[in-house]
Amino acid sequence: LVATGDTAPADAPDLIVASGGIWRSMPPSLVALTLADVMRRPGASQLAVDHAGLLAPLGSIPDAVERRAVVSDLVDDLLTPLGTLVMPSGMRPGRSAGQVTVHGVGPERTRDLVVGELALVALEPGEGAIADFRFRDTVRLGARGRGFAIEVAGGLSGLLVDLRDVPL
C-alpha cells in the first residue's frame, strides 16, 4: 500500500471558463455558484461562460495564424463575463471574518464578511474595481495575511466572496 504524497492546494487560476451546452442553459448566478463549489482553491479568479460555444470549434482550426485571425475578430464576443470569485481559507468559524471595501466607478461599497456565508457585491459587466479586504484573522488568499487589495472585474454575477468552509 502506497500513501498519497503531500499535496498542497494549487493556486486558483486567473480565469475559469465554463464551456459546453449545459453551462449556456443555466442562469449566470447558478453557473458562478457551481464554479465556486467545484473550485475550492484559495485565491481570486475571473469567471466566464463560452455562451456561443465557439471555443471548441476555434480550437479545431489547424493553422495557428488563421486561428489567431479568427479569434481576434471575435475576441469581444467569445466569452460572457460572470464576475470575480474570491475564496479565502483559514478563517475561524463563529465570528466576523472582516470587511471588504470596493473602490471603483461610483461610490465606495463596503460589506461586512461573515464566516460561512457567500457574500455578493454588485459589480456591473465591464466595471473594474479594487477590492480592499481586511480580515480579522490571518487567511490564505494566494499568500497569507490579513489585508489584501485585489483587482476585480464585474460581470453578470458581480463580485462573489466565498467564505464557506466546505470539506471535500
C-alpha atoms as a PDB file:
ATOM      1  CA  LEU A   1       0.000   0.000   0.000  1.00  0.00           C
ATOM      2  CA  VAL A   2       1.438   3.356  -1.044  1.00  0.00           C
ATOM      3  CA  ALA A   3       0.395   6.520   0.739  1.00  0.00           C
ATOM      4  CA  THR A   4      -0.630   9.567  -1.223  1.00  0.00           C
ATOM      5  CA  GLY A   5       2.099  12.181  -1.171  1.00  0.00           C
ATOM      6  CA  ASP A   6       1.732  15.589   0.433  1.00  0.00           C
ATOM      7  CA  THR A   7      -0.489  17.606  -1.870  1.00  0.00           C
ATOM      8  CA  ALA A   8      -0.570  21.317  -1.236  1.00  0.00           C
ATOM      9  CA  PRO A   9      -3.608  23.004  -2.761  1.00  0.00           C
ATOM     10  CA  ALA A  10      -2.825  24.651  -6.067  1.00  0.00           C
ATOM     11  CA  ASP A  11      -3.357  28.347  -6.556  1.00  0.00           C
ATOM     12  CA  ALA A  12      -6.638  29.447  -8.051  1.00  0.00           C
ATOM     13  CA  PRO A  13      -6.483  30.010 -11.829  1.00  0.00           C
ATOM     14  CA  ASP A  14      -6.707  33.570 -13.180  1.00  0.00           C
ATOM     15  CA  LEU A  15      -9.648  32.700 -15.451  1.00  0.00           C
ATOM     16  CA  ILE A  16     -12.212  29.917 -15.253  1.00  0.00           C
ATOM     17  CA  VAL A  17     -14.275  29.356 -18.410  1.00  0.00           C
ATOM     18  CA  ALA A  18     -17.405  27.199 -18.361  1.00  0.00           C
ATOM     19  CA  SER A  19     -17.840  25.765 -21.834  1.00  0.00           C
ATOM     20  CA  GLY A  20     -20.468  23.371 -23.134  1.00  0.00           C
ATOM     21  CA  GLY A  21     -24.194  23.242 -23.692  1.00  0.00           C
ATOM     22  CA  ILE A  22     -25.299  22.796 -20.091  1.00  0.00           C
ATOM     23  CA  TRP A  23     -23.492  25.984 -18.961  1.00  0.00           C
ATOM     24  CA  ARG A  24     -25.203  28.060 -21.656  1.00  0.00           C
ATOM     25  CA  SER A  25     -28.638  26.948 -20.458  1.00  0.00           C
ATOM     26  CA  MET A  26     -28.087  27.865 -16.781  1.00  0.00           C
ATOM     27  CA  PRO A  27     -28.674  31.295 -15.205  1.00  0.00           C
ATOM     28  CA  PRO A  28     -25.345  33.177 -14.757  1.00  0.00           C
ATOM     29  CA  SER A  29     -25.633  33.263 -10.956  1.00  0.00           C
ATOM     30  CA  LEU A  30     -26.064  29.470 -10.842  1.00  0.00           C
ATOM     31  CA  VAL A  31     -23.019  28.977 -13.095  1.00  0.00           C
ATOM     32  CA  ALA A  32     -20.945  31.184 -10.765  1.00  0.00           C
ATOM     33  CA  LEU A  33     -22.134  29.279  -7.684  1.00  0.00           C
ATOM     34  CA  THR A  34     -21.420  25.920  -9.321  1.00  0.00           C
ATOM     35  CA  LEU A  35     -17.908  27.022 -10.299  1.00  0.00           C
ATOM     36  CA  ALA A  36     -17.315  28.208  -6.715  1.00  0.00           C
ATOM     37  CA  ASP A  37     -18.431  24.799  -5.406  1.00  0.00           C
ATOM     38  CA  VAL A  38     -16.134  22.989  -7.835  1.00  0.00           C
ATOM     39  CA  MET A  39     -13.007  25.158  -7.454  1.00  0.00           C
ATOM     40  CA  ARG A  40     -12.436  25.212  -3.690  1.00  0.00           C
ATOM     41  CA  ARG A  41      -8.983  26.828  -4.076  1.00  0.00           C
ATOM     42  CA  PRO A  42      -7.911  29.898  -2.097  1.00  0.00           C
ATOM     43  CA  GLY A  43      -7.383  32.917  -4.319  1.00  0.00           C
ATOM     44  CA  ALA A  44      -9.181  35.085  -6.835  1.00  0.00           C
ATOM     45  CA  SER A  45     -10.396  34.053 -10.293  1.00  0.00           C
ATOM     46  CA  GLN A  46     -12.376  35.672 -13.085  1.00  0.00           C
ATOM     47  CA  LEU A  47     -15.413  33.638 -14.164  1.00  0.00           C
ATOM     48  CA  ALA A  48     -16.776  33.482 -17.720  1.00  0.00           C
ATOM     49  CA  VAL A  49     -19.065  31.388 -19.921  1.00  0.00           C
ATOM     50  CA  ASP A  50     -18.473  30.395 -23.547  1.00  0.00           C
ATOM     51  CA  HIS A  51     -22.044  31.461 -24.344  1.00  0.00           C
ATOM     52  CA  ALA A  52     -21.850  30.901 -28.099  1.00  0.00           C
ATOM     53  CA  GLY A  53     -19.993  27.570 -27.938  1.00  0.00           C
ATOM     54  CA  LEU A  54     -17.166  28.881 -30.124  1.00  0.00           C
ATOM     55  CA  LEU A  55     -14.076  27.818 -28.180  1.00  0.00           C
ATOM     56  CA  ALA A  56     -14.124  24.158 -29.265  1.00  0.00           C
ATOM     57  CA  PRO A  57     -14.613  24.881 -32.993  1.00  0.00           C
ATOM     58  CA  LEU A  58     -11.910  27.569 -32.872  1.00  0.00           C
ATOM     59  CA  GLY A  59      -9.524  25.029 -31.388  1.00  0.00           C
ATOM     60  CA  SER A  60     -10.045  22.784 -34.389  1.00  0.00           C
ATOM     61  CA  ILE A  61      -8.596  25.312 -36.869  1.00  0.00           C
ATOM     62  CA  PRO A  62      -5.217  23.695 -37.668  1.00  0.00           C
ATOM     63  CA  ASP A  63      -3.380  26.790 -38.895  1.00  0.00           C
ATOM     64  CA  ALA A  64      -2.268  28.944 -35.924  1.00  0.00           C
ATOM     65  CA  VAL A  65      -2.203  32.167 -37.975  1.00  0.00           C
ATOM     66  CA  GLU A  66      -5.725  31.602 -39.286  1.00  0.00           C
ATOM     67  CA  ARG A  67      -6.959  30.647 -35.790  1.00  0.00           C
ATOM     68  CA  ARG A  68      -5.407  33.818 -34.335  1.00  0.00           C
ATOM     69  CA  ALA A  69      -7.056  35.952 -37.051  1.00  0.00           C
ATOM     70  CA  VAL A  70     -10.494  34.451 -36.366  1.00  0.00           C
ATOM     71  CA  VAL A  71     -10.077  34.859 -32.595  1.00  0.00           C
ATOM     72  CA  SER A  72      -9.001  38.490 -32.993  1.00  0.00           C
ATOM     73  CA  ASP A  73     -12.192  39.165 -34.998  1.00  0.00           C
ATOM     74  CA  LEU A  74     -14.379  37.514 -32.340  1.00  0.00           C
ATOM     75  CA  VAL A  75     -12.490  38.384 -29.146  1.00  0.00           C
ATOM     76  CA  ASP A  76     -15.149  40.766 -27.798  1.00  0.00           C
ATOM     77  CA  ASP A  77     -17.939  38.229 -28.338  1.00  0.00           C
ATOM     78  CA  LEU A  78     -16.358  34.937 -27.248  1.00  0.00           C
ATOM     79  CA  LEU A  79     -16.983  34.989 -23.504  1.00  0.00           C
ATOM     80  CA  THR A  80     -19.696  36.346 -21.240  1.00  0.00           C
ATOM     81  CA  PRO A  81     -18.112  37.672 -18.031  1.00  0.00           C
ATOM     82  CA  LEU A  82     -19.736  36.388 -14.846  1.00  0.00           C
ATOM     83  CA  GLY A  83     -17.546  38.362 -12.453  1.00  0.00           C
ATOM     84  CA  THR A  84     -14.832  37.600  -9.915  1.00  0.00           C
ATOM     85  CA  LEU A  85     -14.720  34.794  -7.361  1.00  0.00           C
ATOM     86  CA  VAL A  86     -12.624  35.441  -4.228  1.00  0.00           C
ATOM     87  CA  MET A  87     -12.138  32.459  -1.914  1.00  0.00           C
ATOM     88  CA  PRO A  88     -10.059  32.928   1.272  1.00  0.00           C
ATOM     89  CA  SER A  89      -9.261  29.998   3.559  1.00  0.00           C
ATOM     90  CA  GLY A  90      -8.192  29.591   7.169  1.00  0.00           C
ATOM     91  CA  MET A  91     -10.889  31.622   8.913  1.00  0.00           C
ATOM     92  CA  ARG A  92     -12.249  30.767  12.339  1.00  0.00           C
ATOM     93  CA  PRO A  93     -15.950  29.855  12.333  1.00  0.00           C
ATOM     94  CA  GLY A  94     -18.491  31.560  14.541  1.00  0.00           C
ATOM     95  CA  ARG A  95     -17.266  35.125  14.191  1.00  0.00           C
ATOM     96  CA  SER A  96     -16.975  38.028  11.823  1.00  0.00           C
ATOM     97  CA  ALA A  97     -14.411  37.480   9.078  1.00  0.00           C
ATOM     98  CA  GLY A  98     -13.817  41.189   8.446  1.00  0.00           C
ATOM     99  CA  GLN A  99     -14.815  43.627   5.695  1.00  0.00           C
ATOM    100  CA  VAL A 100     -14.410  44.257   2.004  1.00  0.00           C
ATOM    101  CA  THR A 101     -14.491  47.747   0.500  1.00  0.00           C
ATOM    102  CA  VAL A 102     -14.832  48.028  -3.263  1.00  0.00           C
ATOM    103  CA  HIS A 103     -13.254  51.116  -4.833  1.00  0.00           C
ATOM    104  CA  GLY A 104     -14.368  51.650  -8.407  1.00  0.00           C
ATOM    105  CA  VAL A 105     -16.723  53.691 -10.517  1.00  0.00           C
ATOM    106  CA  GLY A 106     -19.265  55.411  -8.316  1.00  0.00           C
ATOM    107  CA  PRO A 107     -19.453  55.363  -4.539  1.00  0.00           C
ATOM    108  CA  GLU A 108     -17.394  53.014  -2.381  1.00  0.00           C
ATOM    109  CA  ARG A 109     -19.215  49.857  -1.384  1.00  0.00           C
ATOM    110  CA  THR A 110     -18.407  48.283   1.984  1.00  0.00           C
ATOM    111  CA  ARG A 111     -19.707  44.920   3.121  1.00  0.00           C
ATOM    112  CA  ASP A 112     -19.175  43.006   6.353  1.00  0.00           C
ATOM    113  CA  LEU A 113     -17.967  39.455   5.830  1.00  0.00           C
ATOM    114  CA  VAL A 114     -19.212  36.567   7.967  1.00  0.00           C
ATOM    115  CA  VAL A 115     -17.561  33.146   8.054  1.00  0.00           C
ATOM    116  CA  GLY A 116     -19.852  30.598   6.412  1.00  0.00           C
ATOM    117  CA  GLU A 117     -21.602  32.980   4.023  1.00  0.00           C
ATOM    118  CA  LEU A 118     -21.459  33.525   0.305  1.00  0.00           C
ATOM    119  CA  ALA A 119     -21.171  37.322   0.023  1.00  0.00           C
ATOM    120  CA  LEU A 120     -22.178  39.182  -3.133  1.00  0.00           C
ATOM    121  CA  VAL A 121     -21.128  42.698  -4.110  1.00  0.00           C
ATOM    122  CA  ALA A 122     -22.801  44.131  -7.215  1.00  0.00           C
ATOM    123  CA  LEU A 123     -20.309  44.926  -9.999  1.00  0.00           C
ATOM    124  CA  GLU A 124     -21.685  45.537 -13.464  1.00  0.00           C
ATOM    125  CA  PRO A 125     -20.206  43.770 -16.520  1.00  0.00           C
ATOM    126  CA  GLY A 126     -17.122  45.641 -17.685  1.00  0.00           C
ATOM    127  CA  GLU A 127     -16.757  47.505 -14.380  1.00  0.00           C
ATOM    128  CA  GLY A 128     -13.269  47.229 -12.927  1.00  0.00           C
ATOM    129  CA  ALA A 129     -12.523  47.909  -9.269  1.00  0.00           C
ATOM    130  CA  ILE A 130     -10.119  47.293  -6.420  1.00  0.00           C
ATOM    131  CA  ALA A 131     -11.489  45.148  -3.601  1.00  0.00           C
ATOM    132  CA  ASP A 132      -9.769  46.002  -0.322  1.00  0.00           C
ATOM    133  CA  PHE A 133     -10.112  43.054   2.080  1.00  0.00           C
ATOM    134  CA  ARG A 134      -9.457  43.481   5.813  1.00  0.00           C
ATOM    135  CA  PHE A 135      -9.728  40.149   7.633  1.00  0.00           C
ATOM    136  CA  ARG A 136      -9.934  39.682  11.380  1.00  0.00           C
ATOM    137  CA  ASP A 137      -7.670  36.601  11.291  1.00  0.00           C
ATOM    138  CA  THR A 138      -4.727  35.679   9.095  1.00  0.00           C
ATOM    139  CA  VAL A 139      -6.112  33.939   5.991  1.00  0.00           C
ATOM    140  CA  ARG A 140      -4.710  32.342   2.865  1.00  0.00           C
ATOM    141  CA  LEU A 141      -5.643  34.146  -0.326  1.00  0.00           C
ATOM    142  CA  GLY A 142      -2.774  33.217  -2.615  1.00  0.00           C
ATOM    143  CA  ALA A 143      -0.475  34.465   0.178  1.00  0.00           C
ATOM    144  CA  ARG A 144      -1.074  34.603   3.926  1.00  0.00           C
ATOM    145  CA  GLY A 145      -2.141  37.865   5.539  1.00  0.00           C
ATOM    146  CA  ARG A 146      -4.914  39.981   6.974  1.00  0.00           C
ATOM    147  CA  GLY A 147      -5.125  42.693   4.322  1.00  0.00           C
ATOM    148  CA  PHE A 148      -5.352  42.279   0.559  1.00  0.00           C
ATOM    149  CA  ALA A 149      -6.082  44.633  -2.347  1.00  0.00           C
ATOM    150  CA  ILE A 150      -7.307  42.640  -5.338  1.00  0.00           C
ATOM    151  CA  GLU A 151      -8.145  43.904  -8.799  1.00  0.00           C
ATOM    152  CA  VAL A 152     -11.612  42.596  -9.637  1.00  0.00           C
ATOM    153  CA  ALA A 153     -13.925  42.836 -12.639  1.00  0.00           C
ATOM    154  CA  GLY A 154     -17.692  42.824 -12.757  1.00  0.00           C
ATOM    155  CA  GLY A 155     -19.987  40.525 -14.634  1.00  0.00           C
ATOM    156  CA  LEU A 156     -23.497  39.149 -14.618  1.00  0.00           C
ATOM    157  CA  SER A 157     -22.918  37.780 -11.097  1.00  0.00           C
ATOM    158  CA  GLY A 158     -20.719  40.590  -9.726  1.00  0.00           C
ATOM    159  CA  LEU A 159     -18.092  40.001  -7.052  1.00  0.00           C
ATOM    160  CA  LEU A 160     -18.628  36.709  -5.223  1.00  0.00           C
ATOM    161  CA  VAL A 161     -16.757  36.205  -1.919  1.00  0.00           C
ATOM    162  CA  ASP A 162     -16.986  32.565  -0.812  1.00  0.00           C
ATOM    163  CA  LEU A 163     -16.428  32.316   2.959  1.00  0.00           C
ATOM    164  CA  ARG A 164     -17.857  28.807   3.326  1.00  0.00           C
ATOM    165  CA  ASP A 165     -15.780  26.042   4.851  1.00  0.00           C
ATOM    166  CA  VAL A 166     -16.712  23.136   2.615  1.00  0.00           C
ATOM    167  CA  PRO A 167     -14.728  19.984   3.421  1.00  0.00           C
ATOM    168  CA  LEU A 168     -14.087  17.718   0.468  1.00  0.00           C
END
